[in-house]
Structure formats: structure tokens, C-alpha cells
């Protein structure tokens, strides 16, 4: 496995771990903005490393592995938008914010699994 792929996997797993911790704090009604901020930064860094790995891979445009990676990027983008909008409308529309938070979690997990599948296919493990 190349160091670029390992860096991508590491950053995305850190983002997922921080997201899980933030979700646990949310269930405990103990929101921590520092954890949420680091989660957002790590998540965006994970998207950036995935995009860089797609660009650095020598896959043809119609390769299935590239399609999986692009799907992961799209799902990550949707998860970022859902998480951001959820945070922005949380006080005014809590039920909609909870639905968006659920979409954020499910979309990000699906994107993480797609990105890990891309990493496995590209690295040849």
C-alpha cells in the first residue's frame, strides 16, 4: 500500500473517529465545538486526500475503481452539506436538523466504505 493511500485512510479514519465521538457527546447533550471543528477539518482533509489519490492513480476514466472513488467524493460532499446545514438550522428547526444529521452520518459512512474499497482496489491488497 502506498504512503498516499495510507495517509488518506488514516485521515478519513481520524475524521470518522472524531465524528463518532461528537455523536456520542451529542447523545449526552454535551456538545463540544472543538471536537466538531477538528471533525470538520479532518473530514475536509479526507476529501482532499481522496481527490488527490484519484488524480495520482493511473486509472483510466472509465475504470470501475475510479467510479467508486468519485461516488465516495459525491457522498462526502453531500455529507458535508448535510452536516453544515444541520448545524446552521439546529436551534430553529430541531426535527429537520436531526434528519439532516442522520443523513450526514449515513452518507459519510457510505462514502468512507466506498473510499476504503477504492484504497483496497488501487493498492492491490
Protein backbone atom coordinates (compact mmCIF):
# COMPACT_ATOMS: atom_id res chain seq x y z
CA UNK A 1 0.00 0.00 0.00
CA UNK A 2 1.44 3.36 -0.98
CA UNK A 3 2.04 6.11 1.53
CA UNK A 4 -0.56 8.34 -0.17
CA UNK A 5 -3.24 5.71 0.27
CA UNK A 6 -2.21 5.13 3.89
CA UNK A 7 -2.39 8.86 4.58
CA UNK A 8 -5.87 9.01 3.04
CA UNK A 9 -7.10 6.06 5.08
CA UNK A 10 -5.58 7.47 8.27
CA UNK A 11 -7.10 10.93 7.82
CA UNK A 12 -10.52 9.53 6.98
CA UNK A 13 -10.47 7.18 9.96
CA UNK A 14 -9.49 10.07 12.25
CA UNK A 15 -12.42 12.09 10.88
CA UNK A 16 -14.77 9.14 11.40
CA UNK A 17 -13.49 8.61 14.94
CA UNK A 18 -13.96 12.27 15.81
CA UNK A 19 -17.43 12.12 14.26
CA UNK A 20 -18.30 9.12 16.41
CA UNK A 21 -17.04 10.94 19.49
CA UNK A 22 -19.04 14.05 18.54
CA UNK A 23 -22.13 11.88 18.06
CA UNK A 24 -21.62 10.33 21.50
CA UNK A 25 -21.35 13.82 23.01
CA UNK A 26 -24.50 14.82 21.11
CA UNK A 27 -26.40 11.92 22.68
CA UNK A 28 -25.11 13.03 26.10
CA UNK A 29 -26.23 16.63 25.37
CA UNK A 30 -22.62 17.77 25.86
CA UNK A 31 -21.71 19.50 22.60
CA UNK A 32 -18.00 20.31 22.24
CA UNK A 33 -17.24 22.80 19.48
CA UNK A 34 -13.53 21.92 19.49
CA UNK A 35 -14.28 18.29 18.65
CA UNK A 36 -16.76 19.37 15.98
CA UNK A 37 -14.19 21.74 14.48
CA UNK A 38 -11.46 19.10 14.35
CA UNK A 39 -14.02 16.66 12.87
CA UNK A 40 -14.84 19.16 10.12
CA UNK A 41 -11.18 19.86 9.34
CA UNK A 42 -10.28 16.17 9.31
CA UNK A 43 -13.30 15.39 7.13
CA UNK A 44 -12.36 18.04 4.58
CA UNK A 45 -8.76 16.81 4.64
CA UNK A 46 -10.04 13.30 3.97
CA UNK A 47 -11.97 14.56 0.96
CA UNK A 48 -8.87 16.37 -0.28
CA UNK A 49 -6.65 13.30 0.08
CA UNK A 50 -9.23 11.17 -1.72
CA UNK A 51 -9.34 13.65 -4.58
CA UNK A 52 -5.55 13.70 -4.74
CA UNK A 53 -5.40 9.91 -4.80
CA UNK A 54 -7.90 9.77 -7.64
CA UNK A 55 -5.76 12.23 -9.57
CA UNK A 56 -2.49 10.43 -8.74
CA UNK A 57 -3.78 6.99 -9.68
CA UNK A 58 -3.14 5.97 -13.25
CA UNK A 59 -6.66 4.66 -13.70
CA UNK A 60 -8.45 5.28 -16.99
CA UNK A 61 -11.53 7.48 -16.88
CA UNK A 62 -13.89 4.52 -17.27
CA UNK A 63 -12.27 2.27 -14.65
CA UNK A 64 -14.74 0.91 -12.07
CA UNK A 65 -12.34 1.76 -9.24
CA UNK A 66 -12.33 5.39 -10.34
CA UNK A 67 -16.13 5.35 -10.41
CA UNK A 68 -16.24 4.07 -6.84
CA UNK A 69 -13.86 6.83 -5.75
CA UNK A 70 -15.92 9.50 -7.50
CA UNK A 71 -19.04 8.12 -5.84
CA UNK A 72 -17.24 8.42 -2.50
CA UNK A 73 -16.40 12.05 -3.28
CA UNK A 74 -20.03 12.78 -4.13
CA UNK A 75 -21.26 11.13 -0.94
CA UNK A 76 -18.68 13.01 1.13
CA UNK A 77 -19.83 16.26 -0.47
CA UNK A 78 -23.46 15.51 0.35
CA UNK A 79 -22.48 14.60 3.91
CA UNK A 80 -20.60 17.88 4.35
CA UNK A 81 -23.57 19.90 3.11
CA UNK A 82 -26.00 17.98 5.34
CA UNK A 83 -23.75 18.43 8.38
CA UNK A 84 -23.28 22.13 7.75
CA UNK A 85 -26.97 22.84 7.17
CA UNK A 86 -27.85 20.75 10.22
CA UNK A 87 -25.60 22.90 12.37
CA UNK A 88 -26.96 26.12 10.89
CA UNK A 89 -30.66 25.34 11.45
CA UNK A 90 -30.33 23.30 14.65
CA UNK A 91 -31.93 25.81 17.02
CA UNK A 92 -34.79 26.91 14.76
CA UNK A 93 -35.85 23.54 13.30
CA UNK A 94 -34.58 20.73 15.56
CA UNK A 95 -36.52 17.92 13.85
CA UNK A 96 -35.15 18.83 10.43
CA UNK A 97 -31.68 19.23 11.93
CA UNK A 98 -31.90 15.72 13.38
CA UNK A 99 -32.93 14.32 10.00
CA UNK A 100 -30.04 16.14 8.31
CA UNK A 101 -27.66 14.85 10.97
CA UNK A 102 -28.83 11.30 10.25
CA UNK A 103 -28.29 11.90 6.51
CA UNK A 104 -24.83 13.27 7.35
CA UNK A 105 -23.88 10.17 9.32
CA UNK A 106 -25.24 7.63 6.82
CA UNK A 107 -23.80 9.46 3.82
CA UNK A 108 -20.39 9.82 5.41
CA UNK A 109 -20.28 6.15 6.41
CA UNK A 110 -21.25 5.06 2.90
CA UNK A 111 -18.57 7.37 1.50
CA UNK A 112 -15.98 6.02 3.93
CA UNK A 113 -16.68 2.44 2.89
CA UNK A 114 -16.52 3.41 -0.80
CA UNK A 115 -13.21 5.22 -0.22
CA UNK A 116 -11.80 2.20 1.63
CA UNK A 117 -12.92 -0.01 -1.24
CA UNK A 118 -11.10 2.31 -3.67
CA UNK A 119 -7.99 2.18 -1.47
CA UNK A 120 -8.08 -1.61 -1.43
CA UNK A 121 -8.51 -1.84 -5.21
CA UNK A 122 -5.79 0.68 -6.01
CA UNK A 123 -3.25 -0.72 -3.55
CA UNK A 124 -3.76 -4.29 -4.70
CA UNK A 125 -4.12 -5.70 -1.18
